[in-house]
Amino acid sequence: MKLLLVEDEPKLASFIRKGFENEAYEIEVAYDGRVGKSLLERNRYDVVILDVNLPYINGFELCRQLREHDAHVPVLMLTALDSLDDKVAGFEAGADDYLVKPFEFRELLMRVRALGKRNHEAATAKRVLRMADLELNLDGRYVTRAGQRIDLTTREYSLLEYLLLNRGKTVTRVDITERVWELNFDTNTNIIDVYVSYLRKKIDKDFTPKLIHTVVGMGYTMREG
C-alpha cells in the first residue's frame, strides 16, 4: 500500500514514516501543502494523511482541491484541531476520517488499514474504467467508445489504462515511460508522442468530446473537453 503523509512537523513526520515502513508500507512525506499538492498531481496513493495547519496550502483546502479531480482516494485528517466545527470542516472538505493529535500509532495504523481495504475493495468491484462514452474493461481487456469496439495493441491498451487511472492529472513522458514501458527514459526518443498519436486517432478522432489533451511542456492528461 502506498501512502502520502503531508505533515510540517519533522519529528512527527519521521515517527509516522518509520512506523508505517516497519509495517511494510510505502510512504512519501511532504512538509507543506504546496509540495503535497504537487505529489498528488503526479502520483497515485492508496491513502492520504493530511495535517491541517500546513504552510502555503492548509489541509482543508488541499483536500478540497484533491476532491476536484479524485473523488475516491481515502483521506485521513490528522490534526490537533479537535472541536466539532473543525471535524465538520474536515468532512465537508472531503475527508473520510479524522484523528486528533496526540494519538497512538496503533490507532492511526488501524484507521489507515481500514481506509485502504475499503478503497481496494471498491476498486476491485469496479472493473470498468469510464470517461464520457469511453469504457475500458479491465477483465476482458477491451475498449469501446459510444458502444463501438476499438481495437488496440497491447501497448496502446496499457497506455490508455494508465491515462485513465490518472484521469484529471498531468502525467509526464517520464512517468509514462517508467509505468507503461518500464524503461529508463531516453530523452532522444519520441516514442511516447508517437503512441499518444496512435491512441488519439483510435479513440478521439471520430468522437466528441476529445479526451486526450497535451499539457504543453509537461505531458498529457485525460479529461472531458
Protein backbone atom coordinates (compact mmCIF):
# COMPACT_ATOMS: atom_id res chain seq x y z
CA MET A 1 0.00 0.00 0.00
CA LYS A 2 1.34 3.44 -0.93
CA LEU A 3 0.70 6.37 1.40
CA LEU A 4 1.22 10.12 1.26
CA LEU A 5 1.76 11.99 4.53
CA VAL A 6 1.56 15.79 4.47
CA GLU A 7 2.88 16.95 7.85
CA ASP A 8 5.02 20.01 8.64
CA GLU A 9 6.46 18.78 11.96
CA PRO A 10 9.67 16.91 11.00
CA LYS A 11 9.89 14.82 14.19
CA LEU A 12 6.28 13.69 13.98
CA ALA A 13 6.57 13.03 10.25
CA SER A 14 9.68 10.92 10.87
CA PHE A 15 7.90 8.96 13.62
CA ILE A 16 4.91 8.23 11.38
CA ARG A 17 7.10 7.33 8.40
CA LYS A 18 9.17 4.85 10.42
CA GLY A 19 6.04 3.32 11.91
CA PHE A 20 4.50 2.62 8.52
CA GLU A 21 7.77 1.48 6.97
CA ASN A 22 8.11 -1.03 9.81
CA GLU A 23 4.70 -2.35 8.74
CA ALA A 24 5.96 -2.73 5.15
CA TYR A 25 4.06 0.29 3.78
CA GLU A 26 5.49 2.56 1.10
CA ILE A 27 5.17 6.15 2.30
CA GLU A 28 6.13 9.54 0.90
CA VAL A 29 6.27 12.70 3.01
CA ALA A 30 5.59 16.32 2.09
CA TYR A 31 6.30 19.05 4.63
CA ASP A 32 3.95 21.70 3.24
CA GLY A 33 0.70 21.86 1.30
CA ARG A 34 2.28 23.06 -1.91
CA VAL A 35 4.62 20.08 -2.17
CA GLY A 36 1.76 17.80 -1.13
CA LYS A 37 -0.38 19.15 -3.96
CA SER A 38 2.43 18.59 -6.46
CA LEU A 39 2.84 14.96 -5.36
CA LEU A 40 -0.91 14.36 -5.56
CA GLU A 41 -0.99 15.70 -9.10
CA ARG A 42 1.84 13.41 -10.21
CA ASN A 43 1.27 10.19 -8.28
CA ARG A 44 -1.44 7.82 -7.12
CA TYR A 45 -1.80 6.83 -3.47
CA ASP A 46 -3.92 4.30 -1.61
CA VAL A 47 -4.42 6.61 1.39
CA VAL A 48 -3.55 10.27 2.04
CA ILE A 49 -2.85 11.54 5.58
CA LEU A 50 -3.20 15.33 5.94
CA ASP A 51 -2.31 17.70 8.73
CA VAL A 52 -4.48 20.84 8.72
CA ASN A 53 -2.16 23.66 9.77
CA LEU A 54 0.24 23.42 6.83
CA PRO A 55 2.37 26.11 5.18
CA TYR A 56 1.16 27.54 1.84
CA ILE A 57 -1.99 25.40 1.50
CA ASN A 58 -3.80 24.16 4.60
CA GLY A 59 -5.11 20.62 4.87
CA PHE A 60 -8.77 21.52 4.40
CA GLU A 61 -8.07 23.43 1.19
CA LEU A 62 -5.68 20.75 -0.07
CA CYS A 63 -8.38 18.12 0.47
CA ARG A 64 -10.92 20.26 -1.40
CA GLN A 65 -8.54 20.67 -4.33
CA LEU A 66 -7.83 16.93 -4.36
CA ARG A 67 -11.54 16.15 -4.49
CA GLU A 68 -11.93 18.27 -7.63
CA HIS A 69 -10.13 15.58 -9.66
CA ASP A 70 -10.10 12.50 -7.43
CA ALA A 71 -13.26 11.58 -5.59
CA HIS A 72 -12.08 8.16 -4.47
CA VAL A 73 -8.66 8.21 -2.76
CA PRO A 74 -9.24 7.95 1.02
CA VAL A 75 -8.13 10.98 3.06
CA LEU A 76 -7.48 10.94 6.81
CA MET A 77 -7.13 14.28 8.61
CA LEU A 78 -4.51 14.10 11.36
CA THR A 79 -4.58 17.32 13.37
CA ALA A 80 -4.57 18.95 16.78
CA LEU A 81 -7.79 20.80 15.89
CA ASP A 82 -10.32 18.90 17.97
CA SER A 83 -13.50 20.99 18.04
CA LEU A 84 -16.71 19.72 16.47
CA ASP A 85 -16.60 22.62 13.99
CA ASP A 86 -13.10 21.57 12.90
CA LYS A 87 -14.21 17.99 12.37
CA VAL A 88 -17.25 19.12 10.39
CA ALA A 89 -14.98 21.33 8.26
CA GLY A 90 -12.72 18.35 7.58
CA PHE A 91 -15.53 16.09 6.46
CA GLU A 92 -17.11 18.85 4.39
CA ALA A 93 -13.75 19.32 2.64
CA GLY A 94 -13.92 15.68 1.58
CA ALA A 95 -12.06 13.78 4.33
CA ASP A 96 -13.04 10.16 5.01
CA ASP A 97 -11.71 10.04 8.58
CA TYR A 98 -10.46 12.43 11.26
CA LEU A 99 -7.93 11.63 14.01
CA VAL A 100 -6.94 14.14 16.67
CA LYS A 101 -3.38 14.64 17.94
CA PRO A 102 -1.93 13.38 20.21
CA PHE A 103 -2.68 9.85 19.08
CA GLU A 104 -1.38 6.32 19.41
CA PHE A 105 0.30 4.98 16.29
CA ARG A 106 -1.66 1.72 16.56
CA GLU A 107 -4.92 3.63 16.13
CA LEU A 108 -3.56 5.52 13.12
CA LEU A 109 -2.37 2.23 11.63
CA MET A 110 -5.77 0.57 12.11
CA ARG A 111 -7.61 3.51 10.56
CA VAL A 112 -5.30 3.62 7.55
CA ARG A 113 -5.63 -0.13 7.06
CA ALA A 114 -9.41 0.16 7.14
CA LEU A 115 -9.41 3.02 4.61
CA GLY A 116 -7.00 1.19 2.34
CA LYS A 117 -9.02 -2.02 2.47
CA ARG A 118 -12.24 -0.17 1.68
CA ASN A 119 -10.58 1.58 -1.26
CA HIS A 120 -9.13 -1.67 -2.59
CA GLU A 121 -12.48 -3.45 -2.38
CA ALA A 122 -14.21 -0.60 -4.21
CA ALA A 123 -11.55 -0.60 -6.92
CA THR A 124 -11.75 -4.37 -7.32
CA ALA A 125 -15.52 -4.27 -7.64
CA LYS A 126 -15.30 -1.61 -10.31
CA ARG A 127 -13.64 -3.45 -13.17
CA VAL A 128 -14.53 -0.91 -15.86
CA LEU A 129 -12.80 2.44 -16.26
CA ARG A 130 -15.08 5.07 -17.80
CA MET A 131 -14.78 8.59 -19.13
CA ALA A 132 -17.60 10.17 -21.13
CA ASP A 133 -18.70 7.37 -23.52
CA LEU A 134 -15.31 5.63 -23.38
CA GLU A 135 -15.10 2.34 -21.47
CA LEU A 136 -12.07 0.19 -20.74
CA ASN A 137 -12.95 -3.28 -19.46
CA LEU A 138 -10.18 -4.47 -17.15
CA ASP A 139 -11.34 -8.09 -17.09
CA GLY A 140 -11.91 -8.54 -20.81
CA ARG A 141 -9.09 -6.12 -21.71
CA TYR A 142 -11.10 -4.41 -24.43
CA VAL A 143 -12.17 -0.83 -25.14
CA THR A 144 -15.37 0.69 -26.52
CA ARG A 145 -16.39 4.24 -27.34
CA ALA A 146 -20.04 5.14 -27.87
CA GLY A 147 -20.68 1.39 -27.85
CA GLN A 148 -18.24 0.80 -30.71
CA ARG A 149 -15.45 -1.72 -30.12
CA ILE A 150 -11.99 -0.21 -30.64
CA ASP A 151 -9.05 -2.48 -31.41
CA LEU A 152 -5.87 -1.51 -29.59
CA THR A 153 -2.43 -3.03 -29.48
CA THR A 154 -1.15 -4.26 -26.12
CA ARG A 155 0.96 -1.12 -25.70
CA GLU A 156 -1.88 1.20 -26.70
CA TYR A 157 -4.18 -0.54 -24.22
CA SER A 158 -1.62 -0.19 -21.41
CA LEU A 159 -1.10 3.49 -22.23
CA LEU A 160 -4.85 4.17 -22.21
CA GLU A 161 -5.29 2.28 -18.93
CA TYR A 162 -2.53 4.35 -17.30
CA LEU A 163 -4.02 7.62 -18.55
CA LEU A 164 -7.49 6.65 -17.32
CA LEU A 165 -6.19 5.61 -13.92
CA ASN A 166 -4.64 9.08 -13.68
CA ARG A 167 -7.62 10.94 -15.17
CA GLY A 168 -7.54 14.64 -14.40
CA LYS A 169 -3.83 14.52 -13.61
CA THR A 170 -0.95 15.56 -15.82
CA VAL A 171 1.42 12.67 -16.46
CA THR A 172 4.86 13.36 -17.90
CA ARG A 173 6.60 11.41 -20.64
CA VAL A 174 8.98 10.10 -17.97
CA ASP A 175 6.00 8.84 -15.91
CA ILE A 176 4.55 7.07 -18.94
CA THR A 177 7.86 5.53 -19.93
CA GLU A 178 8.51 4.17 -16.44
CA ARG A 179 4.95 2.91 -15.80
CA VAL A 180 3.96 1.67 -19.27
CA TRP A 181 7.26 0.81 -20.93
CA GLU A 182 9.17 0.14 -17.70
CA LEU A 183 12.33 1.53 -19.23
CA ASN A 184 14.72 4.28 -18.24
CA PHE A 185 13.68 7.43 -20.07
CA ASP A 186 15.61 8.21 -23.24
CA THR A 187 15.34 11.92 -23.98
CA ASN A 188 16.27 11.30 -27.62
CA THR A 189 13.17 9.26 -28.44
CA ASN A 190 9.66 10.44 -29.30
CA ILE A 191 8.08 7.02 -28.76
CA ILE A 192 5.59 8.37 -26.19
CA ASP A 193 4.33 11.07 -28.55
CA VAL A 194 4.02 8.51 -31.34
CA TYR A 195 1.86 6.17 -29.27
CA VAL A 196 -0.28 9.01 -27.93
CA SER A 197 -0.88 9.98 -31.55
CA TYR A 198 -1.89 6.38 -32.38
CA LEU A 199 -4.28 6.36 -29.43
CA ARG A 200 -5.84 9.70 -30.35
CA LYS A 201 -6.60 8.51 -33.87
CA LYS A 202 -8.46 5.50 -32.48
CA ILE A 203 -10.40 6.93 -29.53
CA ASP A 204 -10.65 10.68 -30.25
CA LYS A 205 -10.53 11.39 -33.99
CA ASP A 206 -14.12 10.40 -34.81
CA PHE A 207 -15.68 11.13 -31.42
CA THR A 208 -16.74 14.04 -29.21
CA PRO A 209 -15.62 15.23 -26.73
CA LYS A 210 -11.87 14.87 -27.18
CA LEU A 211 -10.40 13.12 -24.14
CA ILE A 212 -6.61 13.12 -24.53
CA HIS A 213 -5.05 16.55 -24.08
CA THR A 214 -1.48 17.81 -24.32
CA VAL A 215 -0.20 19.93 -21.43
CA VAL A 216 2.47 21.99 -23.16
CA GLY A 217 5.93 21.47 -21.71
CA MET A 218 4.70 18.88 -19.21
CA GLY A 219 2.96 15.85 -20.70
CA TYR A 220 -0.58 14.59 -21.20
CA THR A 221 -3.87 14.42 -19.35
CA MET A 222 -7.27 12.81 -19.85
CA ARG A 223 -10.32 14.96 -19.22
CA GLU A 224 -13.67 15.66 -20.83
CA GLY A 225 -13.48 18.71 -23.07
